[in-house]
Amino acid sequence: MGLLWAGYLAEQGFEVTLITRNEFPATSHGSAYASIEVSSTGHNIQAQVKLQLISSLKQLNPQKICRLVIAVKSHQVLNAVSSIINHINSETCLIMLQNGRGAEEELLRSFPQLNTHQLFHAISTHGALKEATTGHSLTTSLPGYKVIHTGHGETWLGNLNSPNAPMPKKLIEFLKNPLINGWVENIEQKLWQKLIINASINPLTALLNCRNGELLKADFIGMIEAIADESIQIANAYGQQLDANSEKKRIIKVAEKTALNYSSMQQDIQFNRQTEILYINGYLVKSANKVSLLCPINKMLTQMVQFKSQLSG
């Protein structure tokens, strides 16, 4: 998803830098660049971005980090920000682009110098699949990434801790990005809605080893509805007023739009990586426990994904 954002932002004229652990050959100018190819229905992008290695961040002026899109997995957020915390100043806007919840609280606990007004959430239902990381792109001599925009959805920005605050000027420019629909004053409801979508789709695709669209079969609709019902009950216990029928339709719509996409959790299981289950269904379990609600389905899914992850490892 980070590469998808980078490609679209670069196409719109933003100076984009990818902060990465992976080293690529430097260009003749001494700075490393990469090509991002985005394949989308009716719209293909060929963009160039700068690569900045974490190991060479000493050369980066902290004042140059104006907007930082944190596009790593929820369990990687703390380490990722920790590696560049000395290059984040009080004016840096941090945009969190994760599936689950709980990473923001970890950041604020670990780095008290960060202010809540700096942290923003991007809620996205777009689907993206990294097809390849190649030695060189097809059209340039640069190292290249190829990303498929597998599902067109929506993206909304907001500040959870300052729900009534206007959109900062630094982020208004981001509206040039066609992936972003706009600013939401009450982002909390959309955070719960996205969490419920992920909780209903991701663990099932991981356990069944299938694409999102496979869940649209009649055999699996009942499972999705059961997960959604339990998750909606938890959200409503936290002051949300979510309609069960509307939320279930939202989940099905996302599954339809990303039918060809493999969920990140399915991919993590397949490639023996740590999943975000503790930040998705596990977060719902912890939230339910705090308000004395039973949530056997989310608890079972959390345990099953953890168990399958251990078997895969």
C-alpha atoms as a PDB file:
ATOM      1  CA  MET A   1       0.000   0.000   0.000  1.00  0.00           C
ATOM      2  CA  GLY A   2       2.915   2.341   0.683  1.00  0.00           C
ATOM      3  CA  LEU A   3       4.230   1.806  -2.837  1.00  0.00           C
ATOM      4  CA  LEU A   4       0.759   2.488  -4.246  1.00  0.00           C
ATOM      5  CA  TRP A   5       0.652   5.820  -2.398  1.00  0.00           C
ATOM      6  CA  ALA A   6       4.206   6.643  -3.479  1.00  0.00           C
ATOM      7  CA  GLY A   7       3.379   6.000  -7.114  1.00  0.00           C
ATOM      8  CA  TYR A   8       0.249   8.151  -7.147  1.00  0.00           C
ATOM      9  CA  LEU A   9       1.857  10.978  -5.142  1.00  0.00           C
ATOM     10  CA  ALA A  10       4.915  11.047  -7.394  1.00  0.00           C
ATOM     11  CA  GLU A  11       2.673  11.190 -10.443  1.00  0.00           C
ATOM     12  CA  GLN A  12       0.972  14.257  -8.954  1.00  0.00           C
ATOM     13  CA  GLY A  13       4.317  16.045  -8.620  1.00  0.00           C
ATOM     14  CA  PHE A  14       5.178  15.343  -4.970  1.00  0.00           C
ATOM     15  CA  GLU A  15       8.822  14.780  -4.113  1.00  0.00           C
ATOM     16  CA  VAL A  16       8.585  11.286  -2.665  1.00  0.00           C
ATOM     17  CA  THR A  17      11.295   9.504  -0.693  1.00  0.00           C
ATOM     18  CA  LEU A  18      11.037   5.836   0.246  1.00  0.00           C
ATOM     19  CA  ILE A  19      12.810   5.118   3.530  1.00  0.00           C
ATOM     20  CA  THR A  20      13.903   1.512   3.223  1.00  0.00           C
ATOM     21  CA  ARG A  21      16.184  -1.128   4.698  1.00  0.00           C
ATOM     22  CA  ASN A  22      16.908  -2.579   1.260  1.00  0.00           C
ATOM     23  CA  GLU A  23      19.973  -1.287  -0.570  1.00  0.00           C
ATOM     24  CA  PHE A  24      19.786  -0.581  -4.302  1.00  0.00           C
ATOM     25  CA  PRO A  25      22.537   0.481  -6.714  1.00  0.00           C
ATOM     26  CA  ALA A  26      23.198   4.220  -6.708  1.00  0.00           C
ATOM     27  CA  THR A  27      22.685   6.228  -9.860  1.00  0.00           C
ATOM     28  CA  SER A  28      25.485   8.096 -11.587  1.00  0.00           C
ATOM     29  CA  HIS A  29      24.541  11.157  -9.537  1.00  0.00           C
ATOM     30  CA  GLY A  30      25.397   9.358  -6.305  1.00  0.00           C
ATOM     31  CA  SER A  31      21.827   9.219  -4.976  1.00  0.00           C
ATOM     32  CA  ALA A  32      19.652   6.137  -5.168  1.00  0.00           C
ATOM     33  CA  TYR A  33      16.382   6.308  -7.066  1.00  0.00           C
ATOM     34  CA  ALA A  34      13.761   3.758  -7.980  1.00  0.00           C
ATOM     35  CA  SER A  35      10.982   3.395 -10.487  1.00  0.00           C
ATOM     36  CA  ILE A  36       7.451   2.547  -9.362  1.00  0.00           C
ATOM     37  CA  GLU A  37       5.146   1.052 -11.943  1.00  0.00           C
ATOM     38  CA  VAL A  38       1.475   1.004 -10.913  1.00  0.00           C
ATOM     39  CA  SER A  39      -0.874  -1.092 -13.011  1.00  0.00           C
ATOM     40  CA  SER A  40      -4.510  -0.077 -12.658  1.00  0.00           C
ATOM     41  CA  THR A  41      -7.674  -0.488 -14.706  1.00  0.00           C
ATOM     42  CA  GLY A  42      -7.544   2.184 -17.387  1.00  0.00           C
ATOM     43  CA  HIS A  43      -4.674   4.061 -15.712  1.00  0.00           C
ATOM     44  CA  ASN A  44      -1.026   3.031 -15.530  1.00  0.00           C
ATOM     45  CA  ILE A  45       1.681   4.994 -13.729  1.00  0.00           C
ATOM     46  CA  GLN A  46       5.427   5.149 -14.262  1.00  0.00           C
ATOM     47  CA  ALA A  47       6.935   7.296 -11.493  1.00  0.00           C
ATOM     48  CA  GLN A  48      10.375   7.959 -10.064  1.00  0.00           C
ATOM     49  CA  VAL A  49      11.064   8.250  -6.341  1.00  0.00           C
ATOM     50  CA  LYS A  50      14.126   8.718  -4.197  1.00  0.00           C
ATOM     51  CA  LEU A  51      15.399   5.897  -1.982  1.00  0.00           C
ATOM     52  CA  GLN A  52      16.757   6.694   1.471  1.00  0.00           C
ATOM     53  CA  LEU A  53      18.402   3.911   3.439  1.00  0.00           C
ATOM     54  CA  ILE A  54      17.764   3.867   7.176  1.00  0.00           C
ATOM     55  CA  SER A  55      21.480   3.205   7.644  1.00  0.00           C
ATOM     56  CA  SER A  56      22.355   6.514   5.935  1.00  0.00           C
ATOM     57  CA  LEU A  57      19.743   8.731   7.562  1.00  0.00           C
ATOM     58  CA  LYS A  58      22.450  10.805   9.212  1.00  0.00           C
ATOM     59  CA  GLN A  59      22.658  12.684   5.928  1.00  0.00           C
ATOM     60  CA  LEU A  60      18.969  13.632   6.134  1.00  0.00           C
ATOM     61  CA  ASN A  61      18.031  16.989   7.633  1.00  0.00           C
ATOM     62  CA  PRO A  62      15.173  16.455  10.140  1.00  0.00           C
ATOM     63  CA  GLN A  63      13.464  19.593   8.841  1.00  0.00           C
ATOM     64  CA  LYS A  64      12.976  17.890   5.488  1.00  0.00           C
ATOM     65  CA  ILE A  65      10.491  15.343   6.865  1.00  0.00           C
ATOM     66  CA  CYS A  66       7.295  17.271   6.379  1.00  0.00           C
ATOM     67  CA  ARG A  67       4.849  14.390   6.004  1.00  0.00           C
ATOM     68  CA  LEU A  68       5.686  10.818   6.967  1.00  0.00           C
ATOM     69  CA  VAL A  69       3.375   8.068   5.703  1.00  0.00           C
ATOM     70  CA  ILE A  70       3.872   5.043   7.963  1.00  0.00           C
ATOM     71  CA  ALA A  71       2.896   2.186   5.666  1.00  0.00           C
ATOM     72  CA  VAL A  72       4.382  -0.767   7.557  1.00  0.00           C
ATOM     73  CA  LYS A  73       2.374  -3.433   9.405  1.00  0.00           C
ATOM     74  CA  SER A  74       0.930  -2.576  12.825  1.00  0.00           C
ATOM     75  CA  HIS A  75       3.500  -4.640  14.718  1.00  0.00           C
ATOM     76  CA  GLN A  76       6.314  -2.922  12.781  1.00  0.00           C
ATOM     77  CA  VAL A  77       5.252   0.673  13.496  1.00  0.00           C
ATOM     78  CA  LEU A  78       7.160   1.076  16.750  1.00  0.00           C
ATOM     79  CA  ASN A  79      10.472  -0.170  15.338  1.00  0.00           C
ATOM     80  CA  ALA A  80      10.046   1.788  12.115  1.00  0.00           C
ATOM     81  CA  VAL A  81       9.448   5.097  13.886  1.00  0.00           C
ATOM     82  CA  SER A  82      12.148   4.315  16.448  1.00  0.00           C
ATOM     83  CA  SER A  83      14.718   4.041  13.643  1.00  0.00           C
ATOM     84  CA  ILE A  84      13.982   7.596  12.438  1.00  0.00           C
ATOM     85  CA  ILE A  85      12.703   9.305  15.607  1.00  0.00           C
ATOM     86  CA  ASN A  86      15.687  11.697  15.658  1.00  0.00           C
ATOM     87  CA  HIS A  87      14.628  12.945  12.228  1.00  0.00           C
ATOM     88  CA  ILE A  88      11.038  13.727  13.257  1.00  0.00           C
ATOM     89  CA  ASN A  89      10.357  17.209  14.565  1.00  0.00           C
ATOM     90  CA  SER A  90       7.322  18.768  16.240  1.00  0.00           C
ATOM     91  CA  GLU A  91       5.952  19.924  12.872  1.00  0.00           C
ATOM     92  CA  THR A  92       6.112  16.540  11.149  1.00  0.00           C
ATOM     93  CA  CYS A  93       2.737  15.073  10.210  1.00  0.00           C
ATOM     94  CA  LEU A  94       2.703  11.303  10.803  1.00  0.00           C
ATOM     95  CA  ILE A  95       0.063   9.506   8.732  1.00  0.00           C
ATOM     96  CA  MET A  96      -0.687   5.993   9.940  1.00  0.00           C
ATOM     97  CA  LEU A  97      -1.746   3.578   7.214  1.00  0.00           C
ATOM     98  CA  GLN A  98      -2.360   0.296   9.018  1.00  0.00           C
ATOM     99  CA  ASN A  99      -5.091  -2.329   9.016  1.00  0.00           C
ATOM    100  CA  GLY A 100      -5.378  -2.775  12.770  1.00  0.00           C
ATOM    101  CA  ARG A 101      -5.548  -0.587  15.839  1.00  0.00           C
ATOM    102  CA  GLY A 102      -3.329  -0.096  18.859  1.00  0.00           C
ATOM    103  CA  ALA A 103      -0.102   1.043  17.190  1.00  0.00           C
ATOM    104  CA  GLU A 104      -0.833   4.711  17.879  1.00  0.00           C
ATOM    105  CA  GLU A 105      -1.110   4.070  21.616  1.00  0.00           C
ATOM    106  CA  GLU A 106       2.239   2.253  21.517  1.00  0.00           C
ATOM    107  CA  LEU A 107       3.871   5.216  19.778  1.00  0.00           C
ATOM    108  CA  LEU A 108       2.560   7.760  22.264  1.00  0.00           C
ATOM    109  CA  ARG A 109       3.687   5.637  25.214  1.00  0.00           C
ATOM    110  CA  SER A 110       7.157   5.066  23.789  1.00  0.00           C
ATOM    111  CA  PHE A 111       7.804   8.569  22.455  1.00  0.00           C
ATOM    112  CA  PRO A 112       6.322  11.228  24.744  1.00  0.00           C
ATOM    113  CA  GLN A 113       7.869  13.917  22.534  1.00  0.00           C
ATOM    114  CA  LEU A 114       5.240  13.121  19.909  1.00  0.00           C
ATOM    115  CA  ASN A 115       2.041  15.159  20.182  1.00  0.00           C
ATOM    116  CA  THR A 116      -1.387  13.767  19.451  1.00  0.00           C
ATOM    117  CA  HIS A 117      -1.990  16.559  16.931  1.00  0.00           C
ATOM    118  CA  GLN A 118       0.875  15.124  14.834  1.00  0.00           C
ATOM    119  CA  LEU A 119      -0.734  11.713  14.435  1.00  0.00           C
ATOM    120  CA  PHE A 120      -3.259  11.153  11.674  1.00  0.00           C
ATOM    121  CA  HIS A 121      -5.030   8.073  10.407  1.00  0.00           C
ATOM    122  CA  ALA A 122      -5.633   7.131   6.784  1.00  0.00           C
ATOM    123  CA  ILE A 123      -8.552   4.747   6.429  1.00  0.00           C
ATOM    124  CA  SER A 124      -8.338   2.989   3.078  1.00  0.00           C
ATOM    125  CA  THR A 125     -10.312   0.273   1.333  1.00  0.00           C
ATOM    126  CA  HIS A 126      -8.092   0.216  -1.744  1.00  0.00           C
ATOM    127  CA  GLY A 127      -6.399  -3.041  -2.629  1.00  0.00           C
ATOM    128  CA  ALA A 128      -2.789  -3.326  -3.748  1.00  0.00           C
ATOM    129  CA  LEU A 129      -0.521  -6.218  -4.625  1.00  0.00           C
ATOM    130  CA  LYS A 130       3.243  -5.894  -4.966  1.00  0.00           C
ATOM    131  CA  GLU A 131       3.928  -8.034  -7.995  1.00  0.00           C
ATOM    132  CA  ALA A 132       7.702  -7.745  -8.099  1.00  0.00           C
ATOM    133  CA  THR A 133      10.838  -5.977  -6.958  1.00  0.00           C
ATOM    134  CA  THR A 134      13.133  -6.087  -9.946  1.00  0.00           C
ATOM    135  CA  GLY A 135      16.743  -5.226 -10.539  1.00  0.00           C
ATOM    136  CA  HIS A 136      15.646  -2.680 -13.110  1.00  0.00           C
ATOM    137  CA  SER A 137      12.311  -1.413 -14.366  1.00  0.00           C
ATOM    138  CA  LEU A 138      11.136  -2.195 -17.866  1.00  0.00           C
ATOM    139  CA  THR A 139      11.461   1.381 -19.122  1.00  0.00           C
ATOM    140  CA  THR A 140      14.403   2.802 -17.172  1.00  0.00           C
ATOM    141  CA  SER A 141      17.777   1.659 -15.872  1.00  0.00           C
ATOM    142  CA  LEU A 142      16.573   2.246 -12.295  1.00  0.00           C
ATOM    143  CA  PRO A 143      15.750  -0.491  -9.782  1.00  0.00           C
ATOM    144  CA  GLY A 144      12.024  -0.979  -9.955  1.00  0.00           C
ATOM    145  CA  TYR A 145       8.894  -1.881  -8.015  1.00  0.00           C
ATOM    146  CA  LYS A 146       5.758  -3.107  -9.735  1.00  0.00           C
ATOM    147  CA  VAL A 147       2.407  -2.731  -7.974  1.00  0.00           C
ATOM    148  CA  ILE A 148      -1.047  -3.796  -9.111  1.00  0.00           C
ATOM    149  CA  HIS A 149      -3.953  -1.618  -7.970  1.00  0.00           C
ATOM    150  CA  THR A 150      -6.237  -4.605  -7.454  1.00  0.00           C
ATOM    151  CA  GLY A 151      -9.211  -2.875  -5.858  1.00  0.00           C
ATOM    152  CA  HIS A 152     -10.489   0.700  -6.072  1.00  0.00           C
ATOM    153  CA  GLY A 153     -12.019   1.921  -2.830  1.00  0.00           C
ATOM    154  CA  GLU A 154     -11.930   5.019  -0.642  1.00  0.00           C
ATOM    155  CA  THR A 155      -9.382   6.722   1.603  1.00  0.00           C
ATOM    156  CA  TRP A 156     -10.254   9.216   4.332  1.00  0.00           C
ATOM    157  CA  LEU A 157      -7.892  11.188   6.576  1.00  0.00           C
ATOM    158  CA  GLY A 158      -8.584  12.309  10.128  1.00  0.00           C
ATOM    159  CA  ASN A 159      -7.181  12.945  13.602  1.00  0.00           C
ATOM    160  CA  LEU A 160      -8.547  10.603  16.261  1.00  0.00           C
ATOM    161  CA  ASN A 161      -7.401  12.779  19.164  1.00  0.00           C
ATOM    162  CA  SER A 162      -8.647  16.094  17.754  1.00  0.00           C
ATOM    163  CA  PRO A 163     -11.888  15.109  16.007  1.00  0.00           C
ATOM    164  CA  ASN A 164     -13.148  18.661  15.465  1.00  0.00           C
ATOM    165  CA  ALA A 165      -9.881  20.136  14.249  1.00  0.00           C
ATOM    166  CA  PRO A 166      -9.748  21.296  10.617  1.00  0.00           C
ATOM    167  CA  MET A 167      -7.538  19.595   8.064  1.00  0.00           C
ATOM    168  CA  PRO A 168      -3.936  20.858   8.436  1.00  0.00           C
ATOM    169  CA  LYS A 169      -2.541  22.860   5.519  1.00  0.00           C
ATOM    170  CA  LYS A 170       0.247  20.328   5.078  1.00  0.00           C
ATOM    171  CA  LEU A 171      -2.317  17.634   4.363  1.00  0.00           C
ATOM    172  CA  ILE A 172      -4.633  19.682   2.159  1.00  0.00           C
ATOM    173  CA  GLU A 173      -2.104  19.232  -0.645  1.00  0.00           C
ATOM    174  CA  PHE A 174      -2.550  15.470  -0.280  1.00  0.00           C
ATOM    175  CA  LEU A 175      -6.018  15.836  -1.775  1.00  0.00           C
ATOM    176  CA  LYS A 176      -4.230  15.938  -5.139  1.00  0.00           C
ATOM    177  CA  ASN A 177      -3.692  12.217  -4.599  1.00  0.00           C
ATOM    178  CA  PRO A 178      -6.597  10.499  -6.398  1.00  0.00           C
ATOM    179  CA  LEU A 179      -6.513   7.745  -3.777  1.00  0.00           C
ATOM    180  CA  ILE A 180      -7.704  10.218  -1.095  1.00  0.00           C
ATOM    181  CA  ASN A 181     -11.334  11.274  -0.867  1.00  0.00           C
ATOM    182  CA  GLY A 182     -11.001  13.905   1.854  1.00  0.00           C
ATOM    183  CA  TRP A 183     -10.916  14.811   5.534  1.00  0.00           C
ATOM    184  CA  VAL A 184     -13.225  13.327   8.183  1.00  0.00           C
ATOM    185  CA  GLU A 185     -13.732  15.173  11.460  1.00  0.00           C
ATOM    186  CA  ASN A 186     -14.985  12.041  13.236  1.00  0.00           C
ATOM    187  CA  ILE A 187     -12.482   9.439  12.099  1.00  0.00           C
ATOM    188  CA  GLU A 188     -13.195   7.115  15.034  1.00  0.00           C
ATOM    189  CA  GLN A 189     -16.285   5.609  13.450  1.00  0.00           C
ATOM    190  CA  LYS A 190     -14.404   4.893  10.227  1.00  0.00           C
ATOM    191  CA  LEU A 191     -11.591   3.309  12.269  1.00  0.00           C
ATOM    192  CA  TRP A 192     -14.101   0.934  13.854  1.00  0.00           C
ATOM    193  CA  GLN A 193     -15.704   0.205  10.493  1.00  0.00           C
ATOM    194  CA  LYS A 194     -12.345  -0.583   8.869  1.00  0.00           C
ATOM    195  CA  LEU A 195     -11.374  -2.743  11.853  1.00  0.00           C
ATOM    196  CA  ILE A 196     -14.591  -4.746  11.480  1.00  0.00           C
ATOM    197  CA  ILE A 197     -13.965  -5.188   7.746  1.00  0.00           C
ATOM    198  CA  ASN A 198     -10.443  -6.465   8.393  1.00  0.00           C
ATOM    199  CA  ALA A 199     -11.570  -8.685  11.254  1.00  0.00           C
ATOM    200  CA  SER A 200     -14.218 -10.271   9.038  1.00  0.00           C
ATOM    201  CA  ILE A 201     -12.087 -10.807   5.918  1.00  0.00           C
ATOM    202  CA  ASN A 202      -8.407 -11.139   6.788  1.00  0.00           C
ATOM    203  CA  PRO A 203      -8.385 -14.073   9.239  1.00  0.00           C
ATOM    204  CA  LEU A 204     -10.732 -16.129   7.060  1.00  0.00           C
ATOM    205  CA  THR A 205      -8.549 -15.670   3.978  1.00  0.00           C
ATOM    206  CA  ALA A 206      -5.495 -16.555   6.065  1.00  0.00           C
ATOM    207  CA  LEU A 207      -7.073 -19.713   7.472  1.00  0.00           C
ATOM    208  CA  LEU A 208      -8.673 -20.772   4.169  1.00  0.00           C
ATOM    209  CA  ASN A 209      -5.652 -19.697   2.098  1.00  0.00           C
ATOM    210  CA  CYS A 210      -7.767 -17.892  -0.483  1.00  0.00           C
ATOM    211  CA  ARG A 211      -8.330 -14.567  -2.205  1.00  0.00           C
ATOM    212  CA  ASN A 212     -10.858 -12.110  -0.793  1.00  0.00           C
ATOM    213  CA  GLY A 213     -13.377 -12.946  -3.483  1.00  0.00           C
ATOM    214  CA  GLU A 214     -13.568 -16.585  -2.421  1.00  0.00           C
ATOM    215  CA  LEU A 215     -15.356 -15.466   0.756  1.00  0.00           C
ATOM    216  CA  LEU A 216     -18.332 -14.385  -1.358  1.00  0.00           C
ATOM    217  CA  LYS A 217     -19.330 -18.021  -1.783  1.00  0.00           C
ATOM    218  CA  ALA A 218     -22.469 -19.015   0.094  1.00  0.00           C
ATOM    219  CA  ASP A 219     -20.497 -21.370   2.358  1.00  0.00           C
ATOM    220  CA  PHE A 220     -18.573 -18.463   3.887  1.00  0.00           C
ATOM    221  CA  ILE A 221     -21.145 -15.658   4.066  1.00  0.00           C
ATOM    222  CA  GLY A 222     -22.488 -16.991   7.356  1.00  0.00           C
ATOM    223  CA  MET A 223     -18.988 -16.883   8.866  1.00  0.00           C
ATOM    224  CA  ILE A 224     -18.523 -13.269   7.795  1.00  0.00           C
ATOM    225  CA  GLU A 225     -21.893 -12.300   9.295  1.00  0.00           C
ATOM    226  CA  ALA A 226     -21.114 -14.003  12.621  1.00  0.00           C
ATOM    227  CA  ILE A 227     -17.757 -12.223  12.929  1.00  0.00           C
ATOM    228  CA  ALA A 228     -19.353  -8.921  11.969  1.00  0.00           C
ATOM    229  CA  ASP A 229     -22.225  -9.248  14.452  1.00  0.00           C
ATOM    230  CA  GLU A 230     -19.872  -9.872  17.359  1.00  0.00           C
ATOM    231  CA  SER A 231     -17.477  -7.103  16.285  1.00  0.00           C
ATOM    232  CA  ILE A 232     -20.292  -4.564  15.821  1.00  0.00           C
ATOM    233  CA  GLN A 233     -21.540  -5.310  19.312  1.00  0.00           C
ATOM    234  CA  ILE A 234     -18.098  -4.456  20.695  1.00  0.00           C
ATOM    235  CA  ALA A 235     -17.899  -1.226  18.684  1.00  0.00           C
ATOM    236  CA  ASN A 236     -21.335  -0.131  19.867  1.00  0.00           C
ATOM    237  CA  ALA A 237     -20.263  -0.744  23.466  1.00  0.00           C
ATOM    238  CA  TYR A 238     -17.674   2.005  22.856  1.00  0.00           C
ATOM    239  CA  GLY A 239     -20.249   4.559  21.844  1.00  0.00           C
ATOM    240  CA  GLN A 240     -20.603   3.751  18.160  1.00  0.00           C
ATOM    241  CA  GLN A 241     -24.034   3.396  16.636  1.00  0.00           C
ATOM    242  CA  LEU A 242     -23.344   1.002  13.811  1.00  0.00           C
ATOM    243  CA  ASP A 243     -26.181  -0.683  11.957  1.00  0.00           C
ATOM    244  CA  ALA A 244     -25.470  -4.397  11.539  1.00  0.00           C
ATOM    245  CA  ASN A 245     -27.059  -4.720   8.087  1.00  0.00           C
ATOM    246  CA  SER A 246     -25.236  -1.673   6.737  1.00  0.00           C
ATOM    247  CA  GLU A 247     -21.862  -2.848   8.063  1.00  0.00           C
ATOM    248  CA  LYS A 248     -22.319  -6.349   6.625  1.00  0.00           C
ATOM    249  CA  LYS A 249     -23.103  -4.839   3.222  1.00  0.00           C
ATOM    250  CA  ARG A 250     -19.951  -2.729   3.554  1.00  0.00           C
ATOM    251  CA  ILE A 251     -17.855  -5.853   4.193  1.00  0.00           C
ATOM    252  CA  ILE A 252     -19.324  -7.657   1.186  1.00  0.00           C
ATOM    253  CA  LYS A 253     -18.725  -4.598  -1.005  1.00  0.00           C
ATOM    254  CA  VAL A 254     -15.056  -4.482   0.006  1.00  0.00           C
ATOM    255  CA  ALA A 255     -14.695  -8.222  -0.670  1.00  0.00           C
ATOM    256  CA  GLU A 256     -16.220  -7.692  -4.107  1.00  0.00           C
ATOM    257  CA  LYS A 257     -13.996  -4.736  -4.972  1.00  0.00           C
ATOM    258  CA  THR A 258     -10.852  -6.564  -3.805  1.00  0.00           C
ATOM    259  CA  ALA A 259     -11.964  -9.985  -5.034  1.00  0.00           C
ATOM    260  CA  LEU A 260      -8.669 -10.686  -6.808  1.00  0.00           C
ATOM    261  CA  ASN A 261      -6.578  -9.473  -3.895  1.00  0.00           C
ATOM    262  CA  TYR A 262      -4.886 -11.637  -1.288  1.00  0.00           C
ATOM    263  CA  SER A 263      -5.253 -10.083   2.145  1.00  0.00           C
ATOM    264  CA  SER A 264      -2.080  -9.028   3.922  1.00  0.00           C
ATOM    265  CA  MET A 265      -2.734 -11.641   6.599  1.00  0.00           C
ATOM    266  CA  GLN A 266      -2.991 -14.432   4.029  1.00  0.00           C
ATOM    267  CA  GLN A 267       0.284 -13.256   2.513  1.00  0.00           C
ATOM    268  CA  ASP A 268       1.954 -13.106   5.911  1.00  0.00           C
ATOM    269  CA  ILE A 269       0.977 -16.705   6.653  1.00  0.00           C
ATOM    270  CA  GLN A 270       2.082 -17.868   3.207  1.00  0.00           C
ATOM    271  CA  PHE A 271       5.510 -16.249   3.496  1.00  0.00           C
ATOM    272  CA  ASN A 272       6.066 -17.111   7.177  1.00  0.00           C
ATOM    273  CA  ARG A 273       5.825 -13.525   8.426  1.00  0.00           C
ATOM    274  CA  GLN A 274       4.295 -12.203  11.622  1.00  0.00           C
ATOM    275  CA  THR A 275       0.625 -11.332  11.147  1.00  0.00           C
ATOM    276  CA  GLU A 276      -1.354  -8.353  12.431  1.00  0.00           C
ATOM    277  CA  ILE A 277      -3.914 -10.585  14.144  1.00  0.00           C
ATOM    278  CA  LEU A 278      -3.247  -9.092  17.604  1.00  0.00           C
ATOM    279  CA  TYR A 279      -3.993  -5.623  16.227  1.00  0.00           C
ATOM    280  CA  ILE A 280      -7.186  -6.695  14.452  1.00  0.00           C
ATOM    281  CA  ASN A 281      -9.221  -9.503  16.017  1.00  0.00           C
ATOM    282  CA  GLY A 282      -6.919  -9.438  19.047  1.00  0.00           C
ATOM    283  CA  TYR A 283      -7.654  -5.735  19.501  1.00  0.00           C
ATOM    284  CA  LEU A 284     -11.378  -6.524  19.473  1.00  0.00           C
ATOM    285  CA  VAL A 285     -10.820  -9.194  22.127  1.00  0.00           C
ATOM    286  CA  LYS A 286      -8.962  -6.752  24.391  1.00  0.00           C
ATOM    287  CA  SER A 287     -11.601  -4.095  23.813  1.00  0.00           C
ATOM    288  CA  ALA A 288     -14.376  -6.548  24.685  1.00  0.00           C
ATOM    289  CA  ASN A 289     -12.606  -7.619  27.869  1.00  0.00           C
ATOM    290  CA  LYS A 290     -12.416  -3.995  29.034  1.00  0.00           C
ATOM    291  CA  VAL A 291     -16.203  -3.666  28.895  1.00  0.00           C
ATOM    292  CA  SER A 292     -16.926  -7.234  30.104  1.00  0.00           C
ATOM    293  CA  LEU A 293     -18.262  -8.497  26.787  1.00  0.00           C
ATOM    294  CA  LEU A 294     -17.831 -12.045  25.579  1.00  0.00           C
ATOM    295  CA  CYS A 295     -16.309 -12.416  22.118  1.00  0.00           C
ATOM    296  CA  PRO A 296     -15.725 -16.141  21.493  1.00  0.00           C
ATOM    297  CA  ILE A 297     -15.539 -15.819  17.689  1.00  0.00           C
ATOM    298  CA  ASN A 298     -12.826 -13.154  17.604  1.00  0.00           C
ATOM    299  CA  LYS A 299     -10.963 -14.942  20.368  1.00  0.00           C
ATOM    300  CA  MET A 300     -11.101 -18.218  18.425  1.00  0.00           C
ATOM    301  CA  LEU A 301      -9.944 -16.557  15.193  1.00  0.00           C
ATOM    302  CA  THR A 302      -7.046 -14.884  17.000  1.00  0.00           C
ATOM    303  CA  GLN A 303      -5.915 -18.195  18.450  1.00  0.00           C
ATOM    304  CA  MET A 304      -6.353 -20.090  15.175  1.00  0.00           C
ATOM    305  CA  VAL A 305      -4.336 -17.577  13.142  1.00  0.00           C
ATOM    306  CA  GLN A 306      -1.601 -17.533  15.780  1.00  0.00           C
ATOM    307  CA  PHE A 307      -1.520 -21.327  15.747  1.00  0.00           C
ATOM    308  CA  LYS A 308      -1.366 -21.511  11.941  1.00  0.00           C
ATOM    309  CA  SER A 309       1.338 -18.854  11.939  1.00  0.00           C
ATOM    310  CA  GLN A 310       3.412 -20.960  14.328  1.00  0.00           C
ATOM    311  CA  LEU A 311       2.944 -24.037  12.149  1.00  0.00           C
ATOM    312  CA  SER A 312       3.999 -22.080   9.058  1.00  0.00           C
ATOM    313  CA  GLY A 313       7.084 -20.765  10.822  1.00  0.00           C
END
